[in-house]
Amino acid sequence: SFRKYLCRGTVNVLAESTMIAIAHNINKLHRKIQSGKIGQHLFELKTA
């Protein structure tokens, strides 16, 4: 639900974008942990 940046300037916008990306990844990891899908792969791993 990100709509606009709260600060001005290239450095500040980059910092805010990085924080949003980290928060998004933490949220995804939390949902995976809660649903019990950690450690599972979508496909079987191929062996050489």
N, C-alpha and C. Protein backbone atom coordinates (compact mmCIF):
# COMPACT_ATOMS: atom_id res chain seq x y z
N SER A 1 0.82 -1.19 0.00
CA SER A 1 0.00 0.00 0.00
C SER A 1 0.87 1.26 0.00
N PHE A 2 2.01 1.19 -0.65
CA PHE A 2 2.90 2.35 -0.74
C PHE A 2 2.34 3.33 -1.75
N ARG A 3 2.22 4.59 -1.38
CA ARG A 3 1.66 5.59 -2.28
C ARG A 3 2.64 6.68 -2.68
N LYS A 4 3.40 7.20 -1.72
CA LYS A 4 4.35 8.27 -2.06
C LYS A 4 5.48 8.29 -1.04
N TYR A 5 6.57 8.91 -1.45
CA TYR A 5 7.72 9.05 -0.56
C TYR A 5 7.45 10.17 0.43
N LEU A 6 7.93 9.98 1.65
CA LEU A 6 7.69 10.96 2.69
C LEU A 6 8.81 11.99 2.79
N CYS A 7 9.95 11.73 2.13
CA CYS A 7 11.06 12.67 2.21
C CYS A 7 11.51 13.06 0.81
N ARG A 8 12.36 14.07 0.74
CA ARG A 8 12.82 14.59 -0.54
C ARG A 8 14.32 14.37 -0.68
N GLY A 9 14.78 14.30 -1.90
CA GLY A 9 16.20 14.14 -2.17
C GLY A 9 16.51 12.71 -2.59
N THR A 10 17.50 12.58 -3.45
CA THR A 10 17.85 11.27 -3.99
C THR A 10 18.30 10.30 -2.92
N VAL A 11 19.14 10.74 -2.02
CA VAL A 11 19.68 9.86 -0.97
C VAL A 11 18.56 9.41 -0.04
N ASN A 12 17.70 10.34 0.34
CA ASN A 12 16.60 9.99 1.25
C ASN A 12 15.59 9.06 0.60
N VAL A 13 15.30 9.28 -0.68
CA VAL A 13 14.36 8.41 -1.39
C VAL A 13 14.96 7.01 -1.53
N LEU A 14 16.25 6.92 -1.81
CA LEU A 14 16.91 5.62 -1.90
C LEU A 14 16.86 4.89 -0.56
N ALA A 15 17.11 5.61 0.52
CA ALA A 15 17.05 5.00 1.85
C ALA A 15 15.64 4.52 2.17
N GLU A 16 14.64 5.30 1.83
CA GLU A 16 13.26 4.91 2.09
C GLU A 16 12.86 3.71 1.23
N SER A 17 13.30 3.69 -0.03
CA SER A 17 13.01 2.55 -0.90
C SER A 17 13.64 1.27 -0.36
N THR A 18 14.86 1.38 0.13
CA THR A 18 15.55 0.22 0.72
C THR A 18 14.80 -0.28 1.94
N MET A 19 14.34 0.63 2.78
CA MET A 19 13.60 0.22 3.97
C MET A 19 12.28 -0.45 3.59
N ILE A 20 11.61 0.03 2.56
CA ILE A 20 10.36 -0.57 2.11
C ILE A 20 10.62 -1.97 1.58
N ALA A 21 11.70 -2.15 0.83
CA ALA A 21 12.05 -3.47 0.28
C ALA A 21 12.37 -4.46 1.40
N ILE A 22 13.12 -4.02 2.40
CA ILE A 22 13.45 -4.89 3.53
C ILE A 22 12.19 -5.27 4.29
N ALA A 23 11.31 -4.31 4.52
CA ALA A 23 10.06 -4.59 5.24
C ALA A 23 9.19 -5.58 4.45
N HIS A 24 9.17 -5.44 3.14
CA HIS A 24 8.39 -6.35 2.30
C HIS A 24 8.93 -7.77 2.40
N ASN A 25 10.27 -7.92 2.35
CA ASN A 25 10.88 -9.24 2.44
C ASN A 25 10.67 -9.87 3.81
N ILE A 26 10.72 -9.08 4.87
CA ILE A 26 10.46 -9.60 6.22
C ILE A 26 9.02 -10.07 6.33
N ASN A 27 8.09 -9.32 5.73
CA ASN A 27 6.69 -9.71 5.75
C ASN A 27 6.48 -11.03 5.00
N LYS A 28 7.14 -11.19 3.85
CA LYS A 28 7.04 -12.44 3.09
C LYS A 28 7.59 -13.61 3.91
N LEU A 29 8.73 -13.41 4.56
CA LEU A 29 9.32 -14.46 5.39
C LEU A 29 8.41 -14.82 6.55
N HIS A 30 7.79 -13.82 7.17
CA HIS A 30 6.87 -14.08 8.29
C HIS A 30 5.68 -14.92 7.83
N ARG A 31 5.12 -14.58 6.66
CA ARG A 31 3.99 -15.36 6.14
C ARG A 31 4.39 -16.80 5.85
N LYS A 32 5.61 -17.02 5.33
CA LYS A 32 6.08 -18.38 5.06
C LYS A 32 6.26 -19.16 6.35
N ILE A 33 6.81 -18.51 7.38
CA ILE A 33 7.01 -19.18 8.66
C ILE A 33 5.66 -19.55 9.26
N GLN A 34 4.69 -18.65 9.21
CA GLN A 34 3.38 -18.90 9.79
C GLN A 34 2.64 -20.02 9.07
N SER A 35 2.85 -20.15 7.76
CA SER A 35 2.14 -21.20 7.01
C SER A 35 2.91 -22.51 6.99
N GLY A 36 4.13 -22.53 7.55
CA GLY A 36 4.91 -23.76 7.63
C GLY A 36 5.58 -24.16 6.33
N LYS A 37 5.86 -23.22 5.45
CA LYS A 37 6.45 -23.54 4.16
C LYS A 37 7.96 -23.28 4.11
N ILE A 38 8.59 -23.10 5.26
CA ILE A 38 10.03 -22.87 5.27
C ILE A 38 10.73 -24.20 5.05
N GLY A 39 11.74 -24.19 4.19
CA GLY A 39 12.52 -25.40 3.93
C GLY A 39 11.95 -26.26 2.82
N GLN A 40 10.86 -25.86 2.21
CA GLN A 40 10.27 -26.62 1.12
C GLN A 40 10.60 -25.93 -0.19
N HIS A 41 10.83 -26.75 -1.22
CA HIS A 41 11.12 -26.22 -2.55
C HIS A 41 9.90 -26.40 -3.43
N LEU A 42 9.75 -25.54 -4.42
CA LEU A 42 8.62 -25.66 -5.34
C LEU A 42 8.78 -26.89 -6.22
N PHE A 43 10.03 -27.22 -6.58
CA PHE A 43 10.30 -28.36 -7.45
C PHE A 43 11.38 -29.22 -6.80
N GLU A 44 11.45 -30.47 -7.20
CA GLU A 44 12.50 -31.35 -6.70
C GLU A 44 13.86 -30.84 -7.16
N LEU A 45 14.86 -30.91 -6.27
CA LEU A 45 16.18 -30.47 -6.65
C LEU A 45 16.83 -31.54 -7.53
N LYS A 46 17.50 -31.10 -8.57
CA LYS A 46 18.16 -32.03 -9.48
C LYS A 46 19.54 -32.37 -8.95
N THR A 47 19.91 -33.63 -9.06
CA THR A 47 21.24 -34.05 -8.65
C THR A 47 22.08 -34.29 -9.89
N ALA A 48 23.36 -34.03 -9.78
CA ALA A 48 24.26 -34.15 -10.94
C ALA A 48 24.62 -35.58 -11.24
